[in-house]
Each structure stands twice: as C-alpha cells, then as structure tokens.
Amino acid sequence: MSDTISQITTPVRLDYLHTANPLLARFLMGLQEERILGRVCSQCEKVYVPARATCPACCVPTGGDIEVQHTGVVTTFCVVNIPFEGQLIEPPYACAHVLLDGADVQIFHLVSGCDVGEVRMGMRVRAVWAPEGERPLSLESIRHFAPTGEPDALFENYREYL
C-alpha cells in the first residue's frame, strides 16, 4: 500500500518588472522629496492619490498635480498577529487604510508608533518618512504612519470611505 501525497511545501518565487506610467513616476519621485501628489477631477473635484489620468467615476481627464497633507485618518484597519513565511515585520502589527487630508482615496499602509491595541477607526495619523537618501521609488519612502495625538475624527467625516 502506498501513501498518497496530499500536499507539498516548496519555495515559490515570482519576479516582476513593473513600468510606471508618467503619473505614477511623478508620484513616486514626489515621495522621495517628502511630497504626496495626486490629481483632481475637473468635474467631481475628487482628489486621487496616487494620481490617475482619468476620473473613474466621471470618465473625464483629471487636472494638474495637487499636493496633499502628510496627515490623515485611519478609516479601517487590521492587526496581524499570526506569523507567516517571508514576513518582513514581526507580529503583532497594524495595517490600515489612511485617508490623507486633502485626498478622496485611501492608501494602505502600516500604523506604528503606538501599541497595536490603540489603533482605531478615526485615529489621526501622520507620515513618518524614511531618511533622505534612503527613500526608494515606492510607498516605502513612508516608513509608517504614527498617531498625531489629535482628537479622533468624527465618524461622519470618513464614513463614506469604509
């Protein structure tokens, strides 16, 4: 009688080469300069970060670059408690959707600088930047978001972004 193999553990590697379009390239270069750039829809006036050439809601071209604030509000979050292979950060840690002040689209990033049990919806946070010269052309130019110590945002101010 032979045993049936039901699973196998083996390393898997996928390499990607991604070419940034001009808008994404400007966004990434802005991050290296501690600037967060987006674009505004000429019709509905929503600000998209990172920039988009066309508003997905109105189907019209967006306007010029606009810089948004380095502060924002946590709209939703999760706490990662379970380790997994290849993990770069030791659990527990918090990941969150952050609605930057001046933007209408959330970005997904780490929240640190406090105990993970303190992270909450409505928490005001600010970008913590990698040192100049150590900022890659990626969202990793922002190391994480940390609490500002300001009062929490009112639910009514971010409820449409859940």
Protein backbone atom coordinates (compact mmCIF):
# COMPACT_ATOMS: atom_id res chain seq x y z
CA MET A 1 0.00 0.00 0.00
CA SER A 2 1.42 3.39 -0.98
CA ASP A 3 0.79 6.68 0.76
CA THR A 4 -0.93 9.37 -1.26
CA ILE A 5 0.78 12.75 -1.31
CA SER A 6 -1.79 15.39 -0.44
CA GLN A 7 0.43 18.46 -0.18
CA ILE A 8 3.98 19.64 -0.63
CA THR A 9 5.84 22.62 0.77
CA THR A 10 8.25 24.25 -1.65
CA PRO A 11 9.62 27.76 -2.10
CA VAL A 12 7.99 29.81 -4.84
CA ARG A 13 9.45 32.96 -6.33
CA LEU A 14 7.86 35.34 -8.79
CA ASP A 15 9.87 38.25 -10.17
CA TYR A 16 8.01 41.22 -11.60
CA LEU A 17 9.19 44.13 -13.69
CA HIS A 18 6.67 46.95 -13.48
CA THR A 19 7.00 50.04 -15.63
CA ALA A 20 5.50 53.16 -14.08
CA ASN A 21 3.44 55.44 -16.29
CA PRO A 22 4.34 59.16 -16.16
CA LEU A 23 1.76 59.94 -13.45
CA LEU A 24 2.91 57.11 -11.20
CA ALA A 25 6.54 58.08 -11.83
CA ARG A 26 5.82 61.66 -10.64
CA PHE A 27 4.02 60.29 -7.58
CA LEU A 28 6.98 58.04 -6.70
CA MET A 29 9.54 60.80 -7.30
CA GLY A 30 7.41 63.09 -5.14
CA LEU A 31 7.62 60.56 -2.30
CA GLN A 32 11.41 60.75 -2.49
CA GLU A 33 11.05 64.51 -1.90
CA GLU A 34 8.59 64.05 1.02
CA ARG A 35 5.69 65.14 -1.15
CA ILE A 36 2.43 63.22 -1.64
CA LEU A 37 0.99 64.04 -5.05
CA GLY A 38 -2.42 63.38 -6.51
CA ARG A 39 -4.69 64.77 -9.18
CA VAL A 40 -8.13 66.32 -9.01
CA CYS A 41 -11.12 65.50 -11.22
CA SER A 42 -12.23 68.57 -13.16
CA GLN A 43 -15.87 67.52 -12.80
CA CYS A 44 -16.50 65.98 -9.34
CA GLU A 45 -13.37 67.54 -7.77
CA LYS A 46 -12.30 64.29 -6.08
CA VAL A 47 -8.56 64.09 -5.40
CA TYR A 48 -6.95 60.77 -6.36
CA VAL A 49 -3.73 59.64 -4.66
CA PRO A 50 -1.75 58.28 -6.40
CA ALA A 51 -2.71 60.35 -9.41
CA ARG A 52 -4.96 58.94 -12.12
CA ALA A 53 -5.18 60.32 -15.64
CA THR A 54 -8.96 59.90 -15.74
CA CYS A 55 -11.58 60.07 -13.01
CA PRO A 56 -13.05 56.56 -12.68
CA ALA A 57 -16.41 57.99 -11.61
CA CYS A 58 -16.85 60.77 -14.19
CA CYS A 59 -14.71 59.38 -17.06
CA VAL A 60 -13.12 62.79 -17.64
CA PRO A 61 -9.41 63.69 -17.58
CA THR A 62 -8.02 64.81 -14.26
CA GLY A 63 -6.32 68.19 -13.84
CA GLY A 64 -2.79 69.02 -12.76
CA ASP A 65 -0.85 67.67 -9.82
CA ILE A 66 -2.00 68.58 -6.33
CA GLU A 67 -0.08 68.00 -3.11
CA VAL A 68 -1.99 66.54 -0.18
CA GLN A 69 -1.12 66.64 3.51
CA HIS A 70 1.11 64.13 5.32
CA THR A 71 -1.64 63.68 7.91
CA GLY A 72 -4.87 61.75 7.71
CA VAL A 73 -7.35 59.48 9.45
CA VAL A 74 -7.50 55.70 9.86
CA THR A 75 -10.76 54.58 8.27
CA THR A 76 -10.33 50.81 8.69
CA PHE A 77 -7.51 48.63 9.98
CA CYS A 78 -6.45 45.12 10.86
CA VAL A 79 -3.97 43.74 13.35
CA VAL A 80 -1.74 40.96 12.07
CA ASN A 81 -0.99 38.52 14.89
CA ILE A 82 -0.03 35.36 13.01
CA PRO A 83 3.48 34.98 11.58
CA PHE A 84 3.95 33.62 8.08
CA GLU A 85 6.94 32.67 5.97
CA GLY A 86 8.73 35.62 4.38
CA GLN A 87 7.15 38.13 6.75
CA LEU A 88 9.25 41.30 6.99
CA ILE A 89 7.70 42.62 10.21
CA GLU A 90 7.31 40.64 13.39
CA PRO A 91 3.70 40.41 14.60
CA PRO A 92 1.73 41.95 16.05
CA TYR A 93 1.46 44.96 13.74
CA ALA A 94 -1.34 47.07 12.34
CA CYS A 95 -2.17 47.82 8.70
CA ALA A 96 -4.71 50.49 7.87
CA HIS A 97 -6.49 52.39 5.18
CA VAL A 98 -5.44 56.01 5.70
CA LEU A 99 -7.48 58.83 4.19
CA LEU A 100 -4.95 61.62 3.78
CA ASP A 101 -6.13 65.17 4.42
CA GLY A 102 -6.97 66.63 1.02
CA ALA A 103 -7.43 63.24 -0.69
CA ASP A 104 -10.55 61.29 -1.60
CA VAL A 105 -8.90 57.87 -1.96
CA GLN A 106 -7.31 55.94 0.89
CA ILE A 107 -3.85 54.43 0.86
CA PHE A 108 -2.97 51.18 2.63
CA HIS A 109 -0.01 51.34 4.98
CA LEU A 110 1.41 50.39 8.36
CA VAL A 111 0.45 52.17 11.57
CA SER A 112 3.20 52.17 14.17
CA GLY A 113 4.45 54.37 16.99
CA CYS A 114 1.84 53.03 19.41
CA ASP A 115 0.62 49.73 20.76
CA VAL A 116 -1.47 47.87 18.16
CA GLY A 117 -4.33 47.80 20.69
CA GLU A 118 -4.50 51.60 20.46
CA VAL A 119 -5.08 51.71 16.69
CA ARG A 120 -8.69 52.56 15.93
CA MET A 121 -11.02 53.94 13.29
CA GLY A 122 -10.92 57.72 13.34
CA MET A 123 -7.37 57.89 14.73
CA ARG A 124 -5.43 60.86 13.36
CA VAL A 125 -2.03 59.84 11.96
CA ARG A 126 0.96 61.41 10.21
CA ALA A 127 3.51 60.03 7.77
CA VAL A 128 6.89 59.02 9.19
CA TRP A 129 9.39 59.33 6.36
CA ALA A 130 12.49 57.29 5.66
CA PRO A 131 15.65 59.40 5.98
CA GLU A 132 16.61 61.44 2.92
CA GLY A 133 18.79 59.36 0.65
CA GLU A 134 17.11 56.15 1.85
CA ARG A 135 13.78 56.69 0.12
CA PRO A 136 13.09 54.17 -2.65
CA LEU A 137 10.79 54.84 -5.60
CA SER A 138 7.93 53.21 -3.73
CA LEU A 139 5.43 53.78 -0.95
CA GLU A 140 8.19 52.51 1.36
CA SER A 141 9.52 56.10 1.32
CA ILE A 142 6.92 56.46 4.06
CA ARG A 143 8.10 54.10 6.79
CA HIS A 144 4.72 54.07 8.52
CA PHE A 145 2.00 56.31 9.91
CA ALA A 146 2.11 57.30 13.58
CA PRO A 147 -0.54 58.83 15.84
CA THR A 148 -0.61 62.62 15.88
CA GLY A 149 -2.14 62.89 19.35
CA GLU A 150 -5.00 64.97 17.92
CA PRO A 151 -8.60 64.11 18.80
CA ASP A 152 -10.15 61.37 16.67
CA ALA A 153 -12.00 62.36 13.52
CA LEU A 154 -15.77 62.27 13.69
CA PHE A 155 -17.26 59.17 12.07
CA GLU A 156 -19.39 61.36 9.78
CA ASN A 157 -16.18 62.78 8.26
CA TYR A 158 -14.93 59.42 6.94
CA ARG A 159 -17.98 57.14 6.86
CA GLU A 160 -18.27 57.23 3.04
CA TYR A 161 -14.76 55.75 2.79
CA LEU A 162 -15.49 52.50 4.62
